[in-house]
N, C-alpha and C. Protein backbone atom coordinates (compact mmCIF):
# COMPACT_ATOMS: atom_id res chain seq x y z
N MET A 1 184.33 130.58 63.88
CA MET A 1 183.05 129.85 63.43
C MET A 1 183.12 129.74 61.46
N ASN A 2 184.59 130.31 60.82
CA ASN A 2 184.75 129.79 60.14
C ASN A 2 185.43 128.67 59.40
N GLN A 3 186.03 128.02 60.75
CA GLN A 3 186.23 127.00 60.05
C GLN A 3 185.32 125.79 59.53
N VAL A 4 183.87 125.84 60.75
CA VAL A 4 182.67 125.09 60.96
C VAL A 4 182.41 125.70 59.00
N THR A 5 182.29 127.25 59.06
CA THR A 5 180.95 126.69 57.21
C THR A 5 182.10 126.32 56.10
N ASN A 6 183.51 126.53 55.86
CA ASN A 6 184.17 126.34 55.18
C ASN A 6 184.64 124.99 55.34
N MET A 7 184.57 123.89 55.47
CA MET A 7 185.02 122.42 55.93
C MET A 7 184.12 121.43 54.41
N GLN A 8 184.70 121.13 54.34
CA GLN A 8 184.02 119.76 53.15
C GLN A 8 184.29 118.84 53.49
N ASP A 9 185.08 117.83 54.27
CA ASP A 9 185.80 116.55 54.96
C ASP A 9 184.61 115.74 54.78
N VAL A 10 184.99 114.92 54.92
CA VAL A 10 184.34 113.72 55.08
C VAL A 10 185.00 113.00 56.27
N LEU A 11 184.26 111.88 57.24
CA LEU A 11 184.75 111.26 58.10
C LEU A 11 184.21 110.40 58.91
N LYS A 12 185.11 108.98 58.83
CA LYS A 12 183.77 107.91 58.26
C LYS A 12 184.45 107.47 59.58
N PHE A 13 183.53 106.63 60.23
CA PHE A 13 183.50 106.20 62.05
C PHE A 13 183.58 104.35 61.54
N ASN A 14 184.00 104.01 62.53
CA ASN A 14 183.95 102.33 62.14
C ASN A 14 184.20 102.07 64.07
N ARG A 15 182.85 102.01 65.44
CA ARG A 15 183.38 102.06 66.31
C ARG A 15 182.49 101.01 67.07
N HIS A 16 182.63 100.24 67.93
CA HIS A 16 181.96 99.19 68.53
C HIS A 16 182.20 99.07 70.01
N PHE A 17 181.25 99.18 70.92
CA PHE A 17 181.38 99.54 72.28
C PHE A 17 180.70 97.80 73.03
N GLY A 18 181.17 97.90 74.17
CA GLY A 18 180.60 96.49 74.44
C GLY A 18 180.27 96.74 75.95
N PHE A 19 179.12 97.03 76.49
CA PHE A 19 178.12 97.38 77.67
C PHE A 19 178.12 95.71 78.52
N ALA A 20 178.41 95.82 79.73
CA ALA A 20 178.56 95.06 80.62
C ALA A 20 177.44 95.48 81.97
N TRP A 21 176.25 94.87 82.11
CA TRP A 21 175.40 95.73 82.35
C TRP A 21 175.00 94.95 84.30
N ASP A 22 174.97 95.43 85.10
CA ASP A 22 175.81 95.50 86.79
C ASP A 22 174.72 94.15 86.35
N MET A 23 174.93 92.89 87.61
CA MET A 23 174.04 92.02 87.36
C MET A 23 172.98 92.60 89.12
N PHE A 24 171.87 92.14 89.38
CA PHE A 24 171.32 92.31 90.13
C PHE A 24 171.04 90.33 90.78
N VAL A 25 171.69 90.93 91.99
CA VAL A 25 171.27 89.75 93.27
C VAL A 25 170.56 89.63 93.99
N TYR A 26 169.37 88.78 94.50
CA TYR A 26 168.39 88.95 95.21
C TYR A 26 168.31 87.74 96.30
N GLU A 27 168.38 87.51 97.45
CA GLU A 27 168.06 86.25 97.94
C GLU A 27 166.93 86.60 99.39
N GLN A 28 166.29 85.91 99.49
CA GLN A 28 165.84 85.89 100.79
C GLN A 28 165.43 84.30 100.74
N PRO A 29 164.90 83.87 102.35
CA PRO A 29 163.96 82.54 102.90
C PRO A 29 163.02 82.21 102.52
N THR A 30 162.68 81.61 102.12
CA THR A 30 161.67 80.86 101.32
C THR A 30 160.13 80.55 102.51
N ASP A 31 159.06 80.26 101.95
CA ASP A 31 157.05 80.39 103.05
C ASP A 31 158.43 79.00 103.93
N PHE A 32 159.48 77.83 103.40
CA PHE A 32 159.47 77.12 104.09
C PHE A 32 160.55 76.55 104.45
N GLY A 33 161.50 77.82 104.96
CA GLY A 33 162.13 77.90 105.19
C GLY A 33 163.61 77.33 104.40
N VAL A 34 163.92 77.40 103.16
CA VAL A 34 165.02 77.11 102.57
C VAL A 34 165.43 78.49 101.78
N PRO A 35 166.41 79.05 101.68
CA PRO A 35 166.75 79.85 100.50
C PRO A 35 166.76 80.16 99.48
N MET A 36 166.10 80.93 98.73
CA MET A 36 166.13 81.15 97.39
C MET A 36 167.06 82.25 97.23
N ALA A 37 167.71 81.84 96.00
CA ALA A 37 168.29 83.37 94.98
C ALA A 37 167.44 84.27 94.23
N TYR A 38 167.95 84.92 93.75
CA TYR A 38 167.31 85.23 91.49
C TYR A 38 169.04 86.53 91.63
N ALA A 39 169.19 86.33 90.17
CA ALA A 39 170.27 86.87 89.61
C ALA A 39 170.23 86.98 88.41
N SER A 40 169.65 87.95 88.11
CA SER A 40 170.05 89.20 86.70
C SER A 40 171.18 90.07 86.11
N GLY A 41 171.74 89.92 84.49
CA GLY A 41 172.42 90.64 83.74
C GLY A 41 172.77 89.98 82.55
N ALA A 42 172.99 91.65 82.58
CA ALA A 42 172.90 91.69 80.77
C ALA A 42 174.66 92.10 80.22
N THR A 43 174.40 91.28 78.99
CA THR A 43 175.53 91.91 78.09
C THR A 43 175.15 92.11 76.64
N SER A 44 176.07 93.83 76.25
CA SER A 44 175.30 93.90 74.98
C SER A 44 176.69 94.52 74.07
N VAL A 45 176.27 94.47 73.10
CA VAL A 45 177.58 94.99 72.50
C VAL A 45 176.53 95.60 70.89
N LEU A 46 177.70 97.21 71.25
CA LEU A 46 177.17 98.25 70.06
C LEU A 46 178.04 98.52 68.77
N GLY A 47 177.16 98.34 67.58
CA GLY A 47 178.50 98.67 66.22
C GLY A 47 177.91 99.95 66.03
N LEU A 48 178.58 100.61 65.01
CA LEU A 48 178.15 101.67 64.30
C LEU A 48 179.00 101.86 63.02
N VAL A 49 178.64 102.13 62.47
CA VAL A 49 179.27 102.62 60.69
C VAL A 49 178.77 103.24 60.28
N GLY A 50 179.41 104.36 59.37
CA GLY A 50 178.92 104.97 58.94
C GLY A 50 180.06 106.41 57.77
N GLU A 51 179.47 108.04 58.00
CA GLU A 51 180.37 108.53 57.44
C GLU A 51 178.93 109.69 57.62
N VAL A 52 180.27 111.33 57.83
CA VAL A 52 179.34 111.96 57.93
C VAL A 52 179.78 112.67 57.03
N LYS A 53 179.15 113.64 56.14
CA LYS A 53 179.23 114.47 54.72
C LYS A 53 178.98 115.58 55.32
N LYS A 54 180.12 116.67 55.23
CA LYS A 54 179.55 118.03 55.42
C LYS A 54 179.36 118.50 54.11
N ASN A 55 177.61 119.07 53.64
CA ASN A 55 177.88 119.72 52.38
C ASN A 55 178.21 121.68 52.57
N SER A 56 177.57 122.10 51.86
CA SER A 56 177.41 123.86 52.15
C SER A 56 176.90 124.35 53.15
N GLY A 57 177.92 125.38 52.92
CA GLY A 57 177.61 126.28 54.39
C GLY A 57 177.07 125.33 55.97
N LEU A 58 175.90 125.48 56.47
CA LEU A 58 175.84 124.76 57.54
C LEU A 58 174.87 123.14 57.41
N LYS A 59 174.91 122.71 56.37
CA LYS A 59 174.20 121.53 56.73
C LYS A 59 174.98 120.42 55.75
N GLY A 60 174.72 119.20 56.70
CA GLY A 60 175.36 117.63 57.30
C GLY A 60 174.73 117.10 56.99
N GLU A 61 175.07 115.64 56.72
CA GLU A 61 174.49 114.34 56.67
C GLU A 61 175.74 112.91 56.97
N VAL A 62 174.00 112.76 57.87
CA VAL A 62 175.31 111.37 58.95
C VAL A 62 174.24 110.09 57.64
N ASP A 63 175.26 108.62 57.18
CA ASP A 63 175.07 107.64 57.11
C ASP A 63 175.62 106.75 58.41
N PHE A 64 174.09 106.41 58.04
CA PHE A 64 174.61 104.92 59.83
C PHE A 64 174.42 103.96 59.28
N ARG A 65 175.02 102.58 59.33
CA ARG A 65 174.62 101.78 60.28
C ARG A 65 174.65 101.07 61.51
N MET A 66 173.14 100.33 62.22
CA MET A 66 173.70 100.03 63.96
C MET A 66 173.28 98.88 63.89
N HIS A 67 174.16 98.44 64.57
CA HIS A 67 173.67 96.61 65.04
C HIS A 67 174.16 96.56 66.12
N LEU A 68 172.64 95.92 67.13
CA LEU A 68 172.79 95.61 69.04
C LEU A 68 172.27 94.76 69.09
N ASN A 69 173.79 94.10 69.88
CA ASN A 69 172.93 92.23 69.88
C ASN A 69 173.36 92.47 71.24
N THR A 70 172.40 91.75 72.16
CA THR A 70 172.14 91.49 73.70
C THR A 70 172.21 90.53 73.67
N ASP A 71 172.69 89.84 75.31
CA ASP A 71 172.14 88.67 75.73
C ASP A 71 171.93 88.69 77.08
N ASN A 72 171.24 88.48 77.95
CA ASN A 72 170.11 88.13 79.09
C ASN A 72 170.06 87.54 79.78
N THR A 73 169.86 87.02 80.88
CA THR A 73 170.08 85.87 81.89
C THR A 73 169.62 86.21 83.13
N ASP A 74 168.84 84.61 83.31
CA ASP A 74 167.71 86.08 84.54
C ASP A 74 167.55 83.90 85.46
N MET A 75 167.65 83.93 86.53
CA MET A 75 168.04 82.40 87.28
C MET A 75 167.14 82.81 88.28
N MET A 76 166.64 81.24 89.20
CA MET A 76 166.33 81.42 90.27
C MET A 76 166.60 80.26 90.77
N THR A 77 167.24 80.10 92.01
CA THR A 77 167.51 79.12 92.46
C THR A 77 167.77 78.71 93.91
N VAL A 78 167.01 77.80 94.01
CA VAL A 78 166.43 77.05 95.14
C VAL A 78 167.60 76.34 96.61
N PHE A 79 168.21 76.32 96.86
CA PHE A 79 169.33 75.87 98.11
C PHE A 79 168.45 74.36 98.80
N HIS A 80 168.38 73.02 98.68
CA HIS A 80 168.07 72.49 99.63
C HIS A 80 169.85 72.28 101.06
N PRO A 81 168.94 72.63 101.96
CA PRO A 81 170.07 73.06 103.54
C PRO A 81 170.60 71.69 103.54
N ASP A 82 169.67 70.24 103.68
CA ASP A 82 170.47 69.29 104.29
C ASP A 82 171.48 68.57 103.05
N GLN A 83 170.90 68.08 101.72
CA GLN A 83 171.52 67.93 100.74
C GLN A 83 172.54 68.67 100.41
N LYS A 84 172.84 69.73 100.07
CA LYS A 84 173.62 71.02 100.01
C LYS A 84 173.79 70.46 98.42
N ILE A 85 172.44 70.46 98.15
CA ILE A 85 171.78 70.38 96.59
C ILE A 85 171.22 71.63 95.86
N ARG A 86 171.51 72.01 94.38
CA ARG A 86 171.24 73.67 94.05
C ARG A 86 169.77 73.22 93.42
N PHE A 87 169.11 73.95 92.84
CA PHE A 87 168.07 73.50 91.98
C PHE A 87 167.53 75.15 90.88
N THR A 88 168.18 74.96 89.67
CA THR A 88 168.29 75.90 89.03
C THR A 88 167.00 76.23 88.17
N ILE A 89 165.93 77.56 88.07
CA ILE A 89 165.75 77.60 87.02
C ILE A 89 166.43 78.33 86.07
N GLN A 90 166.67 78.33 84.71
CA GLN A 90 167.03 79.80 84.12
C GLN A 90 167.31 79.76 82.34
N GLN A 91 166.46 81.00 82.49
CA GLN A 91 166.00 81.78 81.96
C GLN A 91 166.91 83.19 80.91
N ASP A 92 167.54 82.20 79.34
CA ASP A 92 168.69 83.06 78.58
C ASP A 92 167.52 83.70 77.24
N ARG A 93 168.10 85.20 77.34
CA ARG A 93 167.05 86.07 75.95
C ARG A 93 168.26 86.76 75.40
N THR A 94 167.67 86.59 73.38
CA THR A 94 169.02 87.70 72.73
C THR A 94 168.13 88.26 71.99
N TYR A 95 168.54 89.54 71.70
CA TYR A 95 168.40 90.31 71.13
C TYR A 95 168.82 91.15 70.30
N LYS A 96 169.11 90.98 68.98
CA LYS A 96 169.41 91.84 68.28
C LYS A 96 168.17 92.88 67.29
N HIS A 97 169.07 93.80 67.40
CA HIS A 97 168.97 95.29 66.24
C HIS A 97 169.42 95.67 65.40
N GLN A 98 169.15 95.66 64.08
CA GLN A 98 169.94 96.11 63.25
C GLN A 98 169.40 98.27 62.58
N LEU A 99 168.99 98.74 62.33
CA LEU A 99 169.51 100.59 61.74
C LEU A 99 170.56 101.07 60.17
N LYS A 100 169.82 100.78 59.48
CA LYS A 100 170.52 101.41 58.51
C LYS A 100 169.96 102.75 58.13
N SER A 101 170.16 103.85 58.12
CA SER A 101 169.69 105.14 57.87
C SER A 101 170.50 106.11 57.38
N ALA A 102 169.59 107.73 57.56
CA ALA A 102 170.53 108.45 57.03
C ALA A 102 169.74 109.99 57.70
N VAL A 103 170.24 110.79 58.62
CA VAL A 103 169.84 111.64 58.93
C VAL A 103 171.00 113.17 58.73
N THR A 104 170.34 114.06 57.37
CA THR A 104 170.32 115.16 57.16
C THR A 104 169.58 116.55 58.61
N ALA A 105 170.51 117.30 58.61
CA ALA A 105 170.84 118.41 59.35
C ALA A 105 170.89 120.00 58.68
N VAL A 106 170.39 120.65 58.46
CA VAL A 106 170.54 122.26 57.90
C VAL A 106 169.88 122.64 59.42
N LEU A 107 171.51 124.24 59.41
CA LEU A 107 171.54 125.16 60.18
C LEU A 107 171.18 126.56 59.30
N ASP A 108 170.11 127.31 59.69
CA ASP A 108 169.85 128.44 58.50
C ASP A 108 170.26 129.25 59.66
N THR A 109 171.31 130.46 59.75
CA THR A 109 171.25 131.17 60.82
C THR A 109 171.07 132.58 61.01
N THR A 110 170.42 132.79 59.45
CA THR A 110 169.72 133.76 59.14
C THR A 110 168.19 134.04 59.61
N THR A 111 167.26 132.77 59.10
CA THR A 111 165.83 132.48 60.23
C THR A 111 165.85 131.85 61.26
N ARG A 112 167.18 131.69 62.01
CA ARG A 112 166.98 130.96 63.20
C ARG A 112 166.02 129.54 63.04
N LYS A 113 166.32 129.32 62.11
CA LYS A 113 165.84 128.08 62.28
C LYS A 113 167.00 125.87 61.57
N LEU A 114 166.84 125.50 62.37
CA LEU A 114 166.82 123.82 62.34
C LEU A 114 166.28 123.09 61.92
N MET A 115 165.86 122.37 60.66
CA MET A 115 165.75 120.65 60.07
C MET A 115 166.47 119.74 60.33
N VAL A 116 166.02 118.91 60.86
CA VAL A 116 165.80 116.88 60.88
C VAL A 116 165.67 116.75 60.31
N THR A 117 166.11 115.55 59.35
CA THR A 117 165.51 115.29 58.50
C THR A 117 166.24 113.39 58.64
N MET A 118 165.01 112.42 58.62
CA MET A 118 166.06 110.98 59.08
C MET A 118 165.48 109.97 57.77
N LYS A 119 165.95 110.00 57.20
CA LYS A 119 165.92 108.98 56.19
C LYS A 119 165.05 107.10 56.36
N VAL A 120 163.95 107.11 55.84
CA VAL A 120 163.39 105.85 55.80
C VAL A 120 164.34 104.58 55.27
N PRO A 121 165.02 103.27 56.64
CA PRO A 121 165.60 102.06 56.35
C PRO A 121 164.94 102.43 54.51
N GLU A 122 166.24 101.23 53.51
CA GLU A 122 165.32 100.66 52.88
C GLU A 122 164.66 99.49 52.84
N ALA A 123 164.20 99.32 51.69
CA ALA A 123 163.85 98.33 52.44
C ALA A 123 164.52 96.13 51.89
N GLU A 124 165.68 96.36 51.05
CA GLU A 124 167.01 96.11 50.85
C GLU A 124 167.28 95.15 52.73
N THR A 125 167.00 96.54 53.17
CA THR A 125 168.06 96.99 55.11
C THR A 125 166.90 97.40 55.93
N PRO A 126 165.74 96.98 55.93
CA PRO A 126 164.70 97.30 56.77
C PRO A 126 164.84 96.90 58.44
N PHE A 127 164.79 98.17 59.39
CA PHE A 127 164.87 98.34 60.85
C PHE A 127 164.09 97.01 61.54
N SER A 128 164.77 96.29 62.45
CA SER A 128 164.73 95.17 62.66
C SER A 128 165.27 94.98 63.89
N MET A 129 164.39 95.24 64.45
CA MET A 129 164.10 94.10 65.99
C MET A 129 163.28 92.83 66.28
N LEU A 130 164.79 91.18 66.50
CA LEU A 130 164.57 90.72 66.97
C LEU A 130 164.87 89.91 68.22
N GLY A 131 164.02 88.97 68.63
CA GLY A 131 164.08 88.52 70.35
C GLY A 131 164.39 87.23 70.13
N HIS A 132 164.65 86.37 70.90
CA HIS A 132 164.77 84.88 71.20
C HIS A 132 164.97 84.36 72.50
N SER A 133 164.05 83.74 73.25
CA SER A 133 164.48 83.18 74.37
C SER A 133 164.18 81.56 74.09
C-alpha cells in the first residue's frame, strides 16, 4: 500500500482498438417463392489519448480524449431463381463520436469515502455524436 501512496508519476497513454462486429445473416423464402437474404455488420475503431496524474495521497486525475468511428452496413437481397440475378438494397451508416474530458477520483481512507468528479467538456472541444446515412 505504501507504493500507491508515495507514487507521484504521470502515465501517458495513446491506445487504438478496432472491433469487427459479427455479421448477421438471415435467409428465408418469400411469399412468392424466391429466396431472400438479410445481412448486417459493423466495424468500429476506438482511440484513447490522455494522461493519468497521481496527486497527493490517494487522489488522481485522468485527462482523456476519446474518438469512436463506426461503419455499419445493412443489406437485403432477393434472388431471381431463373435468371440468376440478385437485387440488393443496401444502407451504409457512419457514426463519429468524440469526447474530451477529465475524471478526478479522491479516496479518503479515514472516512471511507470515494469522490469521483467528471469535468464538463470545454466549448472548443464539445461532446459530439454525429451520424450519417
